[in-house]
Protein backbone atom coordinates (compact mmCIF):
# COMPACT_ATOMS: atom_id res chain seq x y z
CA MET A 1 -82.40 51.00 35.05
CA VAL A 2 -81.33 49.98 31.58
CA LYS A 3 -81.16 46.35 30.68
CA PRO A 4 -78.17 45.39 28.60
CA ASP A 5 -79.38 44.09 25.40
CA ASN A 6 -78.85 40.54 24.35
CA GLN A 7 -76.38 41.42 21.61
CA GLN A 8 -74.05 43.31 23.89
CA MET A 9 -74.09 40.45 26.37
CA GLN A 10 -73.23 38.00 23.64
CA ARG A 11 -70.34 40.25 22.59
CA TRP A 12 -68.95 40.28 26.12
CA LEU A 13 -69.42 36.56 26.36
CA ALA A 14 -67.63 36.10 23.00
CA VAL A 15 -64.77 38.35 24.17
CA GLY A 16 -64.55 36.39 27.45
CA LEU A 17 -64.48 33.08 25.57
CA LEU A 18 -61.79 34.46 23.24
CA VAL A 19 -59.67 35.58 26.20
CA ALA A 20 -60.20 32.18 27.88
CA ALA A 21 -59.21 30.39 24.65
CA ILE A 22 -56.09 32.55 24.29
CA LEU A 23 -55.13 31.83 27.94
CA ALA A 24 -55.73 28.11 27.46
CA VAL A 25 -53.61 28.02 24.29
CA SER A 26 -50.86 30.03 25.97
CA LEU A 27 -50.85 27.68 28.98
CA VAL A 28 -50.79 24.60 26.78
CA VAL A 29 -48.39 25.81 24.07
CA VAL A 30 -46.56 28.99 24.99
CA VAL A 31 -45.57 28.18 28.62
CA PRO A 32 -43.96 24.81 27.72
CA LEU A 33 -42.16 26.50 24.80
CA VAL A 34 -40.83 29.21 27.10
CA ASP A 35 -39.77 26.58 29.67
CA LYS A 36 -38.02 24.57 26.96
CA GLY A 37 -36.35 27.72 25.68
CA LEU A 38 -35.05 28.56 29.18
CA GLU A 39 -33.86 24.98 29.64
CA LEU A 40 -32.02 25.05 26.29
CA HIS A 41 -30.50 28.44 27.14
CA GLU A 42 -29.18 27.04 30.44
CA ALA A 43 -27.83 23.94 28.66
CA LYS A 44 -26.13 26.19 26.10
CA ASN A 45 -24.50 28.23 28.89
CA ASN A 46 -23.29 25.04 30.60
CA LEU A 47 -21.82 23.72 27.34
CA ALA A 48 -20.15 27.07 26.65
CA PHE A 49 -18.60 27.00 30.15
CA ARG A 50 -17.34 23.42 29.64
CA LEU A 51 -15.95 24.38 26.24
CA GLN A 52 -14.00 27.22 27.86
CA GLN A 53 -12.64 24.79 30.46
CA TYR A 54 -11.52 22.36 27.74
CA GLU A 55 -9.91 25.19 25.79
CA ARG A 56 -7.97 26.22 28.92
CA ILE A 57 -6.88 22.61 29.44
CA LEU A 58 -5.79 22.28 25.81
CA ALA A 59 -3.86 25.54 26.11
CA LYS A 60 -1.83 23.94 28.93
CA LYS A 61 -1.21 20.72 26.97
CA ASN A 62 2.30 21.64 25.80
CA ALA A 63 3.36 22.68 29.30
CA VAL A 64 2.09 19.38 30.72
CA ILE A 65 3.91 17.38 28.02
CA GLU A 66 7.12 19.28 28.80
CA ASN A 67 6.70 18.57 32.53
CA VAL A 68 6.12 14.86 31.87
CA ASN A 69 9.22 14.70 29.68
CA ALA A 70 11.24 16.51 32.34
CA LEU A 71 10.01 14.06 34.99
CA LYS A 72 10.92 11.11 32.76
CA ALA A 73 14.41 12.53 32.24
CA GLN A 74 14.80 13.14 35.97
CA TYR A 75 13.55 9.61 36.65
CA GLU A 76 16.08 8.14 34.23
CA GLN A 77 18.92 10.21 35.70
CA GLY A 78 17.89 9.39 39.28
CA GLY A 79 19.06 5.80 38.90
CA LEU A 80 16.10 4.37 40.77
CA LEU A 81 15.92 1.29 38.54
CA ASN A 82 18.47 -1.48 38.42
CA ARG A 83 20.26 -1.31 35.07
CA GLN A 84 21.42 -4.92 34.80
CA SER A 85 20.58 -6.74 31.58
CA THR A 86 18.95 -9.79 33.20
CA GLY A 87 16.97 -10.56 36.33
CA ALA A 88 19.67 -12.96 37.57
CA LEU A 89 22.35 -10.27 37.36
CA ALA A 90 20.08 -7.77 39.08
CA SER A 91 19.33 -10.24 41.90
CA ALA A 92 23.06 -10.96 42.30
CA GLU A 93 23.78 -7.22 42.51
CA VAL A 94 21.11 -6.74 45.20
CA GLN A 95 22.44 -9.75 47.15
CA GLU A 96 25.99 -8.38 47.01
CA PHE A 97 24.80 -4.97 48.19
CA ILE A 98 22.94 -6.58 51.12
CA LYS A 99 26.00 -8.66 52.04
CA LYS A 100 28.15 -5.50 52.22
CA ALA A 101 25.50 -3.56 54.15
CA VAL A 102 25.13 -6.28 56.79
CA ALA A 103 28.91 -6.68 57.16
CA GLU A 104 29.43 -2.89 57.51
CA ALA A 105 26.66 -2.70 60.14
CA GLY A 106 28.26 -5.44 62.26
CA GLY A 107 25.49 -7.99 61.69
CA GLN A 108 25.82 -11.55 60.48
CA LEU A 109 24.17 -12.65 57.27
CA SER A 110 22.62 -16.09 57.61
CA SER A 111 21.31 -16.39 54.05
CA THR A 112 20.01 -14.57 50.99
CA GLN A 113 17.76 -16.13 48.41
CA ALA A 114 16.74 -14.60 45.12
CA LEU A 115 13.02 -15.09 44.50
CA PRO A 116 11.59 -15.31 40.97
CA LEU A 117 11.04 -12.03 39.15
CA SER A 118 7.49 -10.77 38.98
CA THR A 119 6.56 -8.46 36.13
CA LYS A 120 3.79 -5.89 36.09
CA ASP A 121 3.25 -3.39 33.30
CA GLU A 122 6.72 -2.31 32.16
CA PHE A 123 8.63 -3.11 35.38
CA SER A 124 10.10 -6.28 36.86
CA ARG A 125 10.28 -6.71 40.62
CA ILE A 126 13.58 -8.12 41.94
CA THR A 127 12.99 -9.76 45.34
CA VAL A 128 15.68 -11.14 47.64
CA SER A 129 14.77 -12.93 50.86
CA VAL A 130 17.26 -12.12 53.65
CA ARG A 131 18.00 -13.73 57.02
CA MET A 132 20.44 -12.09 59.39
CA THR A 133 21.28 -11.70 63.04
CA GLY A 134 22.48 -8.62 64.84
CA ASN A 135 21.57 -6.13 67.52
CA SER A 136 19.14 -3.26 67.08
CA GLU A 137 21.90 -0.87 65.99
CA ALA A 138 23.00 -3.26 63.24
CA LEU A 139 19.38 -3.61 62.12
CA ARG A 140 18.94 0.15 62.02
CA ALA A 141 22.15 0.61 60.01
CA VAL A 142 21.19 -2.11 57.50
CA LEU A 143 17.67 -0.76 57.02
CA TYR A 144 18.97 2.77 56.58
CA LYS A 145 21.59 1.64 54.05
CA LEU A 146 19.01 -0.31 52.04
CA GLU A 147 16.30 2.36 52.12
CA THR A 148 18.72 5.08 50.93
CA ALA A 149 20.35 2.90 48.26
CA THR A 150 20.59 3.76 44.60
CA PRO A 151 19.14 1.94 42.71
CA LEU A 152 16.04 1.91 44.88
CA ILE A 153 15.61 -0.98 47.36
CA ILE A 154 12.45 -1.30 49.43
CA ILE A 155 12.11 -3.39 52.59
CA ASP A 156 9.09 -5.68 52.66
CA GLN A 157 7.77 -8.30 55.12
CA LEU A 158 10.13 -7.38 57.96
CA GLU A 159 10.05 -9.87 60.82
CA ILE A 160 12.12 -9.34 63.99
CA ARG A 161 12.42 -11.88 66.80
CA PRO A 162 14.68 -11.71 69.84
CA GLU A 163 17.31 -14.42 69.96
CA ARG A 164 16.85 -16.81 72.81
CA GLY A 165 19.17 -16.30 75.75
CA ILE A 166 21.69 -18.87 77.00
CA ARG A 167 21.40 -20.57 80.38
CA SER A 168 24.42 -19.89 82.56
CA ARG A 169 26.03 -23.06 83.87
CA VAL A 170 27.29 -21.26 86.94
CA THR A 171 24.08 -19.56 88.10
CA ASN A 172 21.61 -21.70 86.15
CA GLN A 173 19.84 -18.46 85.12
CA MET A 174 18.90 -17.40 81.60
CA GLU A 175 21.27 -14.71 80.34
CA LEU A 176 19.45 -12.31 78.08
CA SER A 177 20.76 -11.84 74.59
CA ASN A 178 20.93 -8.54 72.81
CA GLU A 179 20.84 -10.28 69.43
CA LEU A 180 17.88 -10.34 67.06
CA ASN A 181 16.84 -12.80 64.35
CA ILE A 182 15.75 -10.71 61.40
CA ASN A 183 13.97 -11.82 58.21
CA PHE A 184 12.92 -9.47 55.44
CA GLN A 185 12.58 -9.13 51.71
CA ALA A 186 14.62 -6.55 49.82
CA VAL A 187 12.81 -5.44 46.67
CA GLY A 188 14.36 -3.62 43.73
CA PHE A 189 12.98 -2.80 40.31
CA MET A 190 14.18 -2.93 36.73
CA ARG A 191 12.64 -2.30 33.35
CA LYS A 192 10.88 -5.31 31.87
CA GLN A 193 13.25 -7.12 29.57
CA PRO A 194 12.06 -7.86 26.03
CA GLU A 195 11.16 -11.50 25.57
């Protein structure tokens, strides 16, 4: 049996230490660099994908602007807003419309009261408080007429109570009434007037 000599053993030990040093350096330096490189590559791919999305969105910009302009034109032609020059005139127009709708439906208008205009953004809200009596068919006809009106009128805070019956003097029994007491607010809109 041949004993390895001391020099050869030192060479193998030196080679082993060199390999260990190279592995240690690669674990400390190279692996984090590779990880960072992969992370940056993934971030680059994500940014490239987002850039493509933004380019597609920008390509559709003109079509969207055309659609918005078409919707604005349709909105203006639709007559949804009251075109009166002042809030008082607009309230009077809404009150007159309600008066006709109630009369045509066979109901009786007790009162209408124009409430102060409230303004939000570029629109003013025209609110008219209404009290009327009538049967359920008259109520249905009035609500239908108001909800399908041009300019737009919305019903808000609808309150319906049956009217109290009358006691018969002959039979001393309560005779039921088919009439209803109805309170609601009719709301229209107009463009905010310059101050």
